[in-house]
Amino acid sequence: MFSLTYSSAYDPYHAVFRLLTLTKTVPLGTEHDFEALRIVDFYHCFPWLLADFSAFTKIAGFQKAKNSVVRAYPKSRFDVLPDRHMVFQRMLPSQLAARAAMLETGSLEHLEEKLRFKETTVESDTLRRALDLYFAENKELLSFLGKYLLHVPLYGSGGLKDRSGLGEFRYDVV
């Protein structure tokens, strides 16, 4: 598929921006699978698709927070995706580039199979203001992604890959 339009989902610089905004809601030092961060990033780009995410009842308030985000970020007539799986796979190169950039700057730490957010100092005043403004405008979405969605287990039946439909889970070792 060839596209003449811009989509922030495929932009590695915007992927770094999205991960930086997520650091405001994710406790520093917590470890996360890259695949889980990819799925959270997908819903960061396309929050109206959370309507298709099956509820996770083991986290109190998950369904209420999810429904609130879905109502706050409705799909517009311009938000047409060819296929969510294809879009998710095409986001991988920009997400890998963002991960590499954040590892290089020390914003992320790579552990054996996990990534850990570290204290980030944004040198640019313009970027810091843009991050603060974006966070203020999208606090509900970012809070849901960091405080609820990222805490759904990734693997197995009922995990993040299963509930989102964005990953194969049947062969996961749980």
C-alpha atoms as a PDB file:
ATOM      1  CA  MET A   1       0.000   0.000   0.000  1.00  0.00           C
ATOM      2  CA  PHE A   2       1.388   3.381  -0.986  1.00  0.00           C
ATOM      3  CA  SER A   3       0.180   6.423   0.864  1.00  0.00           C
ATOM      4  CA  LEU A   4       0.558  10.069  -0.039  1.00  0.00           C
ATOM      5  CA  THR A   5      -0.715  11.225   3.324  1.00  0.00           C
ATOM      6  CA  TYR A   6       1.184  11.636   6.555  1.00  0.00           C
ATOM      7  CA  SER A   7       0.409   9.398   9.489  1.00  0.00           C
ATOM      8  CA  SER A   8       2.119   9.900  12.824  1.00  0.00           C
ATOM      9  CA  ALA A   9       1.870   6.135  13.341  1.00  0.00           C
ATOM     10  CA  TYR A  10       4.700   5.617  10.838  1.00  0.00           C
ATOM     11  CA  ASP A  11       6.876   8.528  11.974  1.00  0.00           C
ATOM     12  CA  PRO A  12       9.865   7.484  14.131  1.00  0.00           C
ATOM     13  CA  TYR A  13      10.189  10.988  15.608  1.00  0.00           C
ATOM     14  CA  HIS A  14       6.546  10.966  16.629  1.00  0.00           C
ATOM     15  CA  ALA A  15       7.021   7.465  18.061  1.00  0.00           C
ATOM     16  CA  VAL A  16       9.715   8.913  20.353  1.00  0.00           C
ATOM     17  CA  PHE A  17       7.323  11.734  21.248  1.00  0.00           C
ATOM     18  CA  ARG A  18       4.566   9.224  22.093  1.00  0.00           C
ATOM     19  CA  LEU A  19       6.910   7.184  24.292  1.00  0.00           C
ATOM     20  CA  LEU A  20       8.088  10.337  26.063  1.00  0.00           C
ATOM     21  CA  THR A  21       4.492  11.338  26.830  1.00  0.00           C
ATOM     22  CA  LEU A  22       3.859   7.850  28.183  1.00  0.00           C
ATOM     23  CA  THR A  23       6.693   8.292  30.703  1.00  0.00           C
ATOM     24  CA  LYS A  24       4.485  10.780  32.562  1.00  0.00           C
ATOM     25  CA  THR A  25       2.050   8.003  33.546  1.00  0.00           C
ATOM     26  CA  VAL A  26       4.338   4.970  33.798  1.00  0.00           C
ATOM     27  CA  PRO A  27       6.275   4.712  37.072  1.00  0.00           C
ATOM     28  CA  LEU A  28      10.009   4.999  36.478  1.00  0.00           C
ATOM     29  CA  GLY A  29      11.896   1.760  36.953  1.00  0.00           C
ATOM     30  CA  THR A  30       9.021  -0.504  35.920  1.00  0.00           C
ATOM     31  CA  GLU A  31       9.895  -3.118  33.309  1.00  0.00           C
ATOM     32  CA  HIS A  32       7.826  -3.740  30.190  1.00  0.00           C
ATOM     33  CA  ASP A  33       8.002  -6.011  27.169  1.00  0.00           C
ATOM     34  CA  PHE A  34       8.675  -4.197  23.905  1.00  0.00           C
ATOM     35  CA  GLU A  35       5.682  -5.992  22.375  1.00  0.00           C
ATOM     36  CA  ALA A  36       3.425  -4.596  25.126  1.00  0.00           C
ATOM     37  CA  LEU A  37       4.783  -1.096  24.491  1.00  0.00           C
ATOM     38  CA  ARG A  38       4.103  -1.579  20.774  1.00  0.00           C
ATOM     39  CA  ILE A  39       0.465  -2.495  21.442  1.00  0.00           C
ATOM     40  CA  VAL A  40       0.045   0.449  23.828  1.00  0.00           C
ATOM     41  CA  ASP A  41       1.599   2.720  21.171  1.00  0.00           C
ATOM     42  CA  PHE A  42      -0.868   1.382  18.593  1.00  0.00           C
ATOM     43  CA  TYR A  43      -3.793   2.378  20.821  1.00  0.00           C
ATOM     44  CA  HIS A  44      -2.084   5.714  21.481  1.00  0.00           C
ATOM     45  CA  CYS A  45      -2.318   6.389  17.735  1.00  0.00           C
ATOM     46  CA  PHE A  46      -5.788   4.905  17.277  1.00  0.00           C
ATOM     47  CA  PRO A  47      -7.674   5.237  20.605  1.00  0.00           C
ATOM     48  CA  TRP A  48     -11.132   4.661  19.098  1.00  0.00           C
ATOM     49  CA  LEU A  49     -10.066   1.058  18.392  1.00  0.00           C
ATOM     50  CA  LEU A  50     -10.092   0.431  22.153  1.00  0.00           C
ATOM     51  CA  ALA A  51     -13.818  -0.184  21.666  1.00  0.00           C
ATOM     52  CA  ASP A  52     -12.849  -3.587  20.218  1.00  0.00           C
ATOM     53  CA  PHE A  53     -10.506  -4.406  23.126  1.00  0.00           C
ATOM     54  CA  SER A  54     -12.167  -6.992  25.362  1.00  0.00           C
ATOM     55  CA  ALA A  55     -12.454  -5.962  29.001  1.00  0.00           C
ATOM     56  CA  PHE A  56      -9.873  -7.010  31.555  1.00  0.00           C
ATOM     57  CA  THR A  57     -11.780  -7.563  34.789  1.00  0.00           C
ATOM     58  CA  LYS A  58      -8.765  -8.217  37.034  1.00  0.00           C
ATOM     59  CA  ILE A  59      -7.887  -4.509  37.118  1.00  0.00           C
ATOM     60  CA  ALA A  60     -10.480  -2.484  39.030  1.00  0.00           C
ATOM     61  CA  GLY A  61     -11.921   0.361  36.974  1.00  0.00           C
ATOM     62  CA  PHE A  62     -10.475  -0.889  33.672  1.00  0.00           C
ATOM     63  CA  GLN A  63     -13.780  -1.082  31.787  1.00  0.00           C
ATOM     64  CA  LYS A  64     -15.003   2.282  33.061  1.00  0.00           C
ATOM     65  CA  ALA A  65     -11.729   4.001  32.120  1.00  0.00           C
ATOM     66  CA  LYS A  66     -11.683   2.296  28.710  1.00  0.00           C
ATOM     67  CA  ASN A  67     -15.244   3.380  27.930  1.00  0.00           C
ATOM     68  CA  SER A  68     -14.436   6.929  28.995  1.00  0.00           C
ATOM     69  CA  VAL A  69     -11.453   7.031  26.603  1.00  0.00           C
ATOM     70  CA  VAL A  70     -13.515   5.579  23.750  1.00  0.00           C
ATOM     71  CA  ARG A  71     -16.168   8.275  24.279  1.00  0.00           C
ATOM     72  CA  ALA A  72     -13.528  11.022  24.475  1.00  0.00           C
ATOM     73  CA  TYR A  73     -11.750   9.908  21.272  1.00  0.00           C
ATOM     74  CA  PRO A  74     -14.425   8.971  18.734  1.00  0.00           C
ATOM     75  CA  LYS A  75     -13.545   7.832  15.242  1.00  0.00           C
ATOM     76  CA  SER A  76     -13.801  10.598  12.664  1.00  0.00           C
ATOM     77  CA  ARG A  77     -14.666  10.114   9.014  1.00  0.00           C
ATOM     78  CA  PHE A  78     -10.948  10.459   8.207  1.00  0.00           C
ATOM     79  CA  ASP A  79      -9.914   7.681  10.583  1.00  0.00           C
ATOM     80  CA  VAL A  80     -10.161   4.772   8.181  1.00  0.00           C
ATOM     81  CA  LEU A  81      -7.600   1.995   8.552  1.00  0.00           C
ATOM     82  CA  PRO A  82      -7.080  -0.560   5.794  1.00  0.00           C
ATOM     83  CA  ASP A  83      -6.422  -3.406   8.253  1.00  0.00           C
ATOM     84  CA  ARG A  84      -5.423  -3.008  11.887  1.00  0.00           C
ATOM     85  CA  HIS A  85      -2.952  -5.924  11.729  1.00  0.00           C
ATOM     86  CA  MET A  86      -1.255  -4.467   8.661  1.00  0.00           C
ATOM     87  CA  VAL A  87      -1.022  -1.028  10.258  1.00  0.00           C
ATOM     88  CA  PHE A  88       0.350  -2.561  13.469  1.00  0.00           C
ATOM     89  CA  GLN A  89       3.055  -4.415  11.515  1.00  0.00           C
ATOM     90  CA  ARG A  90       3.920  -1.314   9.475  1.00  0.00           C
ATOM     91  CA  MET A  91       4.431   0.654  12.676  1.00  0.00           C
ATOM     92  CA  LEU A  92       7.270  -1.695  13.699  1.00  0.00           C
ATOM     93  CA  PRO A  93      10.162   0.098  11.894  1.00  0.00           C
ATOM     94  CA  SER A  94       9.304   3.465  13.452  1.00  0.00           C
ATOM     95  CA  GLN A  95       8.847   1.837  16.871  1.00  0.00           C
ATOM     96  CA  LEU A  96      12.216   0.081  16.561  1.00  0.00           C
ATOM     97  CA  ALA A  97      13.848   3.381  15.586  1.00  0.00           C
ATOM     98  CA  ALA A  98      12.208   5.124  18.552  1.00  0.00           C
ATOM     99  CA  ARG A  99      13.368   2.371  20.909  1.00  0.00           C
ATOM    100  CA  ALA A 100      16.929   2.637  19.560  1.00  0.00           C
ATOM    101  CA  ALA A 101      16.932   6.427  19.944  1.00  0.00           C
ATOM    102  CA  MET A 102      15.619   6.269  23.500  1.00  0.00           C
ATOM    103  CA  LEU A 103      18.117   3.556  24.432  1.00  0.00           C
ATOM    104  CA  GLU A 104      20.915   5.690  22.986  1.00  0.00           C
ATOM    105  CA  THR A 105      19.873   8.774  24.959  1.00  0.00           C
ATOM    106  CA  GLY A 106      19.382   6.796  28.168  1.00  0.00           C
ATOM    107  CA  SER A 107      15.614   7.351  28.407  1.00  0.00           C
ATOM    108  CA  LEU A 108      15.122   3.588  28.221  1.00  0.00           C
ATOM    109  CA  GLU A 109      17.245   0.826  29.670  1.00  0.00           C
ATOM    110  CA  HIS A 110      17.394  -2.569  27.988  1.00  0.00           C
ATOM    111  CA  LEU A 111      17.279  -5.499  30.357  1.00  0.00           C
ATOM    112  CA  GLU A 112      17.311  -9.126  29.218  1.00  0.00           C
ATOM    113  CA  GLU A 113      13.842  -9.288  27.671  1.00  0.00           C
ATOM    114  CA  LYS A 114      12.365  -6.074  29.021  1.00  0.00           C
ATOM    115  CA  LEU A 115      12.678  -2.318  28.745  1.00  0.00           C
ATOM    116  CA  ARG A 116      12.715   0.054  31.693  1.00  0.00           C
ATOM    117  CA  PHE A 117      11.810   3.746  31.560  1.00  0.00           C
ATOM    118  CA  LYS A 118      14.433   5.942  33.206  1.00  0.00           C
ATOM    119  CA  GLU A 119      14.446   9.546  34.361  1.00  0.00           C
ATOM    120  CA  THR A 120      14.417  11.700  31.234  1.00  0.00           C
ATOM    121  CA  THR A 121      15.649  15.258  31.025  1.00  0.00           C
ATOM    122  CA  VAL A 122      14.338  17.038  27.958  1.00  0.00           C
ATOM    123  CA  GLU A 123      16.882  19.683  26.988  1.00  0.00           C
ATOM    124  CA  SER A 124      14.730  21.521  24.454  1.00  0.00           C
ATOM    125  CA  ASP A 125      12.278  24.037  25.903  1.00  0.00           C
ATOM    126  CA  THR A 126      10.140  23.736  22.782  1.00  0.00           C
ATOM    127  CA  LEU A 127       9.912  19.955  23.111  1.00  0.00           C
ATOM    128  CA  ARG A 128       9.240  20.162  26.849  1.00  0.00           C
ATOM    129  CA  ARG A 129       6.376  22.615  26.247  1.00  0.00           C
ATOM    130  CA  ALA A 130       4.997  20.418  23.449  1.00  0.00           C
ATOM    131  CA  LEU A 131       5.114  17.356  25.732  1.00  0.00           C
ATOM    132  CA  ASP A 132       3.398  19.219  28.573  1.00  0.00           C
ATOM    133  CA  LEU A 133       0.708  20.612  26.267  1.00  0.00           C
ATOM    134  CA  TYR A 134       0.085  17.214  24.660  1.00  0.00           C
ATOM    135  CA  PHE A 135      -0.117  15.546  28.067  1.00  0.00           C
ATOM    136  CA  ALA A 136      -2.574  18.170  29.337  1.00  0.00           C
ATOM    137  CA  GLU A 137      -4.767  17.736  26.247  1.00  0.00           C
ATOM    138  CA  ASN A 138      -4.632  13.913  26.305  1.00  0.00           C
ATOM    139  CA  LYS A 139      -4.317  13.154  30.018  1.00  0.00           C
ATOM    140  CA  GLU A 140      -7.251  10.739  30.066  1.00  0.00           C
ATOM    141  CA  LEU A 141      -5.874   8.646  27.195  1.00  0.00           C
ATOM    142  CA  LEU A 142      -2.298   8.631  28.489  1.00  0.00           C
ATOM    143  CA  SER A 143      -3.437   7.750  32.005  1.00  0.00           C
ATOM    144  CA  PHE A 144      -5.463   4.825  30.680  1.00  0.00           C
ATOM    145  CA  LEU A 145      -2.563   3.567  28.570  1.00  0.00           C
ATOM    146  CA  GLY A 146       0.015   3.842  31.349  1.00  0.00           C
ATOM    147  CA  LYS A 147      -2.056   2.929  34.393  1.00  0.00           C
ATOM    148  CA  TYR A 148      -4.400   0.309  32.975  1.00  0.00           C
ATOM    149  CA  LEU A 149      -3.522  -1.069  29.545  1.00  0.00           C
ATOM    150  CA  LEU A 150       0.186  -1.508  30.210  1.00  0.00           C
ATOM    151  CA  HIS A 151      -0.647  -3.599  33.287  1.00  0.00           C
ATOM    152  CA  VAL A 152      -2.583  -6.245  31.359  1.00  0.00           C
ATOM    153  CA  PRO A 153      -0.345  -9.325  31.101  1.00  0.00           C
ATOM    154  CA  LEU A 154       1.073  -9.696  27.593  1.00  0.00           C
ATOM    155  CA  TYR A 155       1.093 -13.461  27.195  1.00  0.00           C
ATOM    156  CA  GLY A 156      -1.482 -16.222  27.057  1.00  0.00           C
ATOM    157  CA  SER A 157      -5.210 -16.449  26.639  1.00  0.00           C
ATOM    158  CA  GLY A 158      -6.744 -13.264  28.003  1.00  0.00           C
ATOM    159  CA  GLY A 159      -3.451 -11.391  27.712  1.00  0.00           C
ATOM    160  CA  LEU A 160      -2.741  -8.162  25.881  1.00  0.00           C
ATOM    161  CA  LYS A 161      -1.987  -9.874  22.563  1.00  0.00           C
ATOM    162  CA  ASP A 162      -5.199 -11.909  22.785  1.00  0.00           C
ATOM    163  CA  ARG A 163      -7.508  -9.088  23.908  1.00  0.00           C
ATOM    164  CA  SER A 164      -6.170  -6.644  21.323  1.00  0.00           C
ATOM    165  CA  GLY A 165      -6.096  -9.208  18.518  1.00  0.00           C
ATOM    166  CA  LEU A 166      -2.719  -7.774  17.484  1.00  0.00           C
ATOM    167  CA  GLY A 167      -0.517 -10.739  18.300  1.00  0.00           C
ATOM    168  CA  GLU A 168      -0.414 -14.505  18.256  1.00  0.00           C
ATOM    169  CA  PHE A 169      -0.917 -15.827  21.772  1.00  0.00           C
ATOM    170  CA  ARG A 170      -1.759 -19.518  21.345  1.00  0.00           C
ATOM    171  CA  TYR A 171       1.870 -20.637  21.520  1.00  0.00           C
ATOM    172  CA  ASP A 172       2.911 -18.375  24.384  1.00  0.00           C
ATOM    173  CA  VAL A 173       4.671 -20.053  27.271  1.00  0.00           C
ATOM    174  CA  VAL A 174       2.736 -18.908  30.318  1.00  0.00           C
END
